[in-house]
Amino acid sequence: MRDLMERGVTVRVLNMGTVEDTPMGRMMLTVMFAMAEFDRDMIVQRLAEGMEVARANNPDFRIGRKPVEYDEQQFRDLTKMVDSGEITAKEAWETLGVGKTTWYKLRKAA
């Protein structure tokens, strides 16, 4: 916003009105930025505290997606079929119900 004001752009805050390039306008801008930064820091802190409590109450607590579940025997069978040229890799990962990237990660790990 400071860059806009330096270029002569009129900045209007919906619930406050026009912020002008005056000492009072710059002070209001500084206060608004400070409050926004404070609010963001409080959100981050509460989120970290909540995850800490969740980890303490649940040892299986995870962030992110659940691991992909697949039939290991079916994966081994499909891998053999792909290696022998009976089916394509695309047919294999579609049959197994996983995505392309997951298929190749499983292949690499196997």
C-alpha atoms as a PDB file:
ATOM      1  CA  MET A   1       0.000   0.000   0.000  1.00  0.00           C
ATOM      2  CA  ARG A   2       2.899   2.329   0.676  1.00  0.00           C
ATOM      3  CA  ASP A   3       4.111   1.788  -2.883  1.00  0.00           C
ATOM      4  CA  LEU A   4       0.662   2.646  -4.206  1.00  0.00           C
ATOM      5  CA  MET A   5       0.499   5.796  -2.109  1.00  0.00           C
ATOM      6  CA  GLU A   6       3.970   6.874  -3.259  1.00  0.00           C
ATOM      7  CA  ARG A   7       2.774   6.551  -6.868  1.00  0.00           C
ATOM      8  CA  GLY A   8      -0.178   8.840  -6.138  1.00  0.00           C
ATOM      9  CA  VAL A   9      -2.890   6.152  -6.059  1.00  0.00           C
ATOM     10  CA  THR A  10      -5.828   6.933  -3.784  1.00  0.00           C
ATOM     11  CA  VAL A  11      -6.400   4.029  -1.395  1.00  0.00           C
ATOM     12  CA  ARG A  12      -9.871   3.552   0.046  1.00  0.00           C
ATOM     13  CA  VAL A  13     -10.430   1.152   2.927  1.00  0.00           C
ATOM     14  CA  LEU A  14     -14.043  -0.059   2.856  1.00  0.00           C
ATOM     15  CA  ASN A  15     -14.883   0.491   6.511  1.00  0.00           C
ATOM     16  CA  MET A  16     -12.529   3.447   7.085  1.00  0.00           C
ATOM     17  CA  GLY A  17     -12.578   5.678   4.028  1.00  0.00           C
ATOM     18  CA  THR A  18      -9.671   7.179   2.104  1.00  0.00           C
ATOM     19  CA  VAL A  19      -6.139   6.677   3.400  1.00  0.00           C
ATOM     20  CA  GLU A  20      -4.155   9.711   2.362  1.00  0.00           C
ATOM     21  CA  ASP A  21      -0.393  10.211   2.213  1.00  0.00           C
ATOM     22  CA  THR A  22      -0.383  12.418   5.298  1.00  0.00           C
ATOM     23  CA  PRO A  23       1.161  11.824   8.724  1.00  0.00           C
ATOM     24  CA  MET A  24      -2.256  10.734  10.068  1.00  0.00           C
ATOM     25  CA  GLY A  25      -2.904   8.473   7.063  1.00  0.00           C
ATOM     26  CA  ARG A  26       0.530   6.832   7.384  1.00  0.00           C
ATOM     27  CA  MET A  27      -0.035   6.322  11.125  1.00  0.00           C
ATOM     28  CA  MET A  28      -3.402   4.650  10.492  1.00  0.00           C
ATOM     29  CA  LEU A  29      -1.789   2.449   7.857  1.00  0.00           C
ATOM     30  CA  THR A  30       0.973   1.443  10.282  1.00  0.00           C
ATOM     31  CA  VAL A  31      -1.581   0.597  12.982  1.00  0.00           C
ATOM     32  CA  MET A  32      -3.652  -1.466  10.519  1.00  0.00           C
ATOM     33  CA  PHE A  33      -0.568  -3.387   9.360  1.00  0.00           C
ATOM     34  CA  ALA A  34       0.469  -4.009  12.979  1.00  0.00           C
ATOM     35  CA  MET A  35      -2.993  -5.342  13.859  1.00  0.00           C
ATOM     36  CA  ALA A  36      -3.038  -7.589  10.787  1.00  0.00           C
ATOM     37  CA  GLU A  37       0.396  -8.977  11.685  1.00  0.00           C
ATOM     38  CA  PHE A  38      -0.690  -9.509  15.308  1.00  0.00           C
ATOM     39  CA  ASP A  39      -3.845 -11.318  14.165  1.00  0.00           C
ATOM     40  CA  ARG A  40      -1.850 -13.597  11.857  1.00  0.00           C
ATOM     41  CA  ASP A  41       0.668 -14.376  14.625  1.00  0.00           C
ATOM     42  CA  MET A  42      -2.180 -15.248  17.017  1.00  0.00           C
ATOM     43  CA  ILE A  43      -3.690 -17.630  14.444  1.00  0.00           C
ATOM     44  CA  VAL A  44      -0.321 -19.366  13.979  1.00  0.00           C
ATOM     45  CA  GLN A  45       0.176 -19.633  17.750  1.00  0.00           C
ATOM     46  CA  ARG A  46      -3.311 -21.078  18.365  1.00  0.00           C
ATOM     47  CA  LEU A  47      -2.845 -23.551  15.548  1.00  0.00           C
ATOM     48  CA  ALA A  48       0.495 -24.722  16.988  1.00  0.00           C
ATOM     49  CA  GLU A  49      -1.032 -25.059  20.471  1.00  0.00           C
ATOM     50  CA  GLY A  50      -3.973 -27.028  19.084  1.00  0.00           C
ATOM     51  CA  MET A  51      -1.686 -29.445  17.250  1.00  0.00           C
ATOM     52  CA  GLU A  52       0.412 -29.870  20.401  1.00  0.00           C
ATOM     53  CA  VAL A  53      -2.703 -30.788  22.395  1.00  0.00           C
ATOM     54  CA  ALA A  54      -3.867 -33.149  19.637  1.00  0.00           C
ATOM     55  CA  ARG A  55      -0.467 -34.899  19.611  1.00  0.00           C
ATOM     56  CA  ALA A  56      -0.502 -35.218  23.403  1.00  0.00           C
ATOM     57  CA  ASN A  57      -4.011 -36.723  23.406  1.00  0.00           C
ATOM     58  CA  ASN A  58      -3.596 -38.926  20.349  1.00  0.00           C
ATOM     59  CA  PRO A  59      -0.254 -40.587  19.566  1.00  0.00           C
ATOM     60  CA  ASP A  60      -1.515 -41.448  16.052  1.00  0.00           C
ATOM     61  CA  PHE A  61      -2.176 -37.774  15.226  1.00  0.00           C
ATOM     62  CA  ARG A  62      -1.083 -36.918  11.681  1.00  0.00           C
ATOM     63  CA  ILE A  63      -1.278 -33.852   9.504  1.00  0.00           C
ATOM     64  CA  GLY A  64      -2.063 -34.316   5.840  1.00  0.00           C
ATOM     65  CA  ARG A  65      -3.664 -36.999   3.778  1.00  0.00           C
ATOM     66  CA  LYS A  66      -4.204 -40.510   4.993  1.00  0.00           C
ATOM     67  CA  PRO A  67      -1.788 -43.048   3.534  1.00  0.00           C
ATOM     68  CA  VAL A  68      -3.031 -44.825   0.422  1.00  0.00           C
ATOM     69  CA  GLU A  69      -4.411 -48.269   1.166  1.00  0.00           C
ATOM     70  CA  TYR A  70      -3.833 -51.005  -1.378  1.00  0.00           C
ATOM     71  CA  ASP A  71      -3.708 -54.783  -1.581  1.00  0.00           C
ATOM     72  CA  GLU A  72      -0.022 -55.747  -1.424  1.00  0.00           C
ATOM     73  CA  GLN A  73      -0.538 -59.127  -3.089  1.00  0.00           C
ATOM     74  CA  GLN A  74      -2.450 -57.505  -5.930  1.00  0.00           C
ATOM     75  CA  PHE A  75       0.376 -54.942  -6.256  1.00  0.00           C
ATOM     76  CA  ARG A  76       2.976 -57.736  -6.533  1.00  0.00           C
ATOM     77  CA  ASP A  77       0.842 -59.549  -9.136  1.00  0.00           C
ATOM     78  CA  LEU A  78       0.333 -56.375 -11.165  1.00  0.00           C
ATOM     79  CA  THR A  79       4.049 -55.568 -10.969  1.00  0.00           C
ATOM     80  CA  LYS A  80       4.879 -58.980 -12.422  1.00  0.00           C
ATOM     81  CA  MET A  81       2.317 -58.467 -15.193  1.00  0.00           C
ATOM     82  CA  VAL A  82       3.768 -55.055 -16.075  1.00  0.00           C
ATOM     83  CA  ASP A  83       7.313 -56.444 -16.047  1.00  0.00           C
ATOM     84  CA  SER A  84       6.304 -59.274 -18.356  1.00  0.00           C
ATOM     85  CA  GLY A  85       4.478 -56.902 -20.714  1.00  0.00           C
ATOM     86  CA  GLU A  86       1.011 -58.386 -20.177  1.00  0.00           C
ATOM     87  CA  ILE A  87      -0.445 -55.009 -19.156  1.00  0.00           C
ATOM     88  CA  THR A  88       0.698 -51.397 -19.172  1.00  0.00           C
ATOM     89  CA  ALA A  89       1.682 -49.500 -16.056  1.00  0.00           C
ATOM     90  CA  LYS A  90      -1.395 -47.289 -16.520  1.00  0.00           C
ATOM     91  CA  GLU A  91      -3.675 -50.318 -16.498  1.00  0.00           C
ATOM     92  CA  ALA A  92      -1.906 -51.550 -13.378  1.00  0.00           C
ATOM     93  CA  TRP A  93      -2.279 -48.362 -11.340  1.00  0.00           C
ATOM     94  CA  GLU A  94      -5.896 -47.979 -12.427  1.00  0.00           C
ATOM     95  CA  THR A  95      -6.614 -51.595 -11.424  1.00  0.00           C
ATOM     96  CA  LEU A  96      -4.899 -51.068  -8.067  1.00  0.00           C
ATOM     97  CA  GLY A  97      -6.841 -47.846  -7.514  1.00  0.00           C
ATOM     98  CA  VAL A  98      -3.842 -45.560  -6.999  1.00  0.00           C
ATOM     99  CA  GLY A  99      -2.449 -42.647  -8.959  1.00  0.00           C
ATOM    100  CA  LYS A 100       0.505 -42.658 -11.314  1.00  0.00           C
ATOM    101  CA  THR A 101       2.904 -41.050  -8.830  1.00  0.00           C
ATOM    102  CA  THR A 102       1.878 -43.446  -6.056  1.00  0.00           C
ATOM    103  CA  TRP A 103       2.357 -46.419  -8.385  1.00  0.00           C
ATOM    104  CA  TYR A 104       5.920 -45.411  -9.195  1.00  0.00           C
ATOM    105  CA  LYS A 105       6.710 -44.625  -5.542  1.00  0.00           C
ATOM    106  CA  LEU A 106       5.490 -48.100  -4.584  1.00  0.00           C
ATOM    107  CA  ARG A 107       7.535 -49.649  -7.417  1.00  0.00           C
ATOM    108  CA  LYS A 108      10.652 -47.806  -6.267  1.00  0.00           C
ATOM    109  CA  ALA A 109      10.137 -48.863  -2.639  1.00  0.00           C
ATOM    110  CA  ALA A 110       9.520 -52.510  -3.576  1.00  0.00           C
END
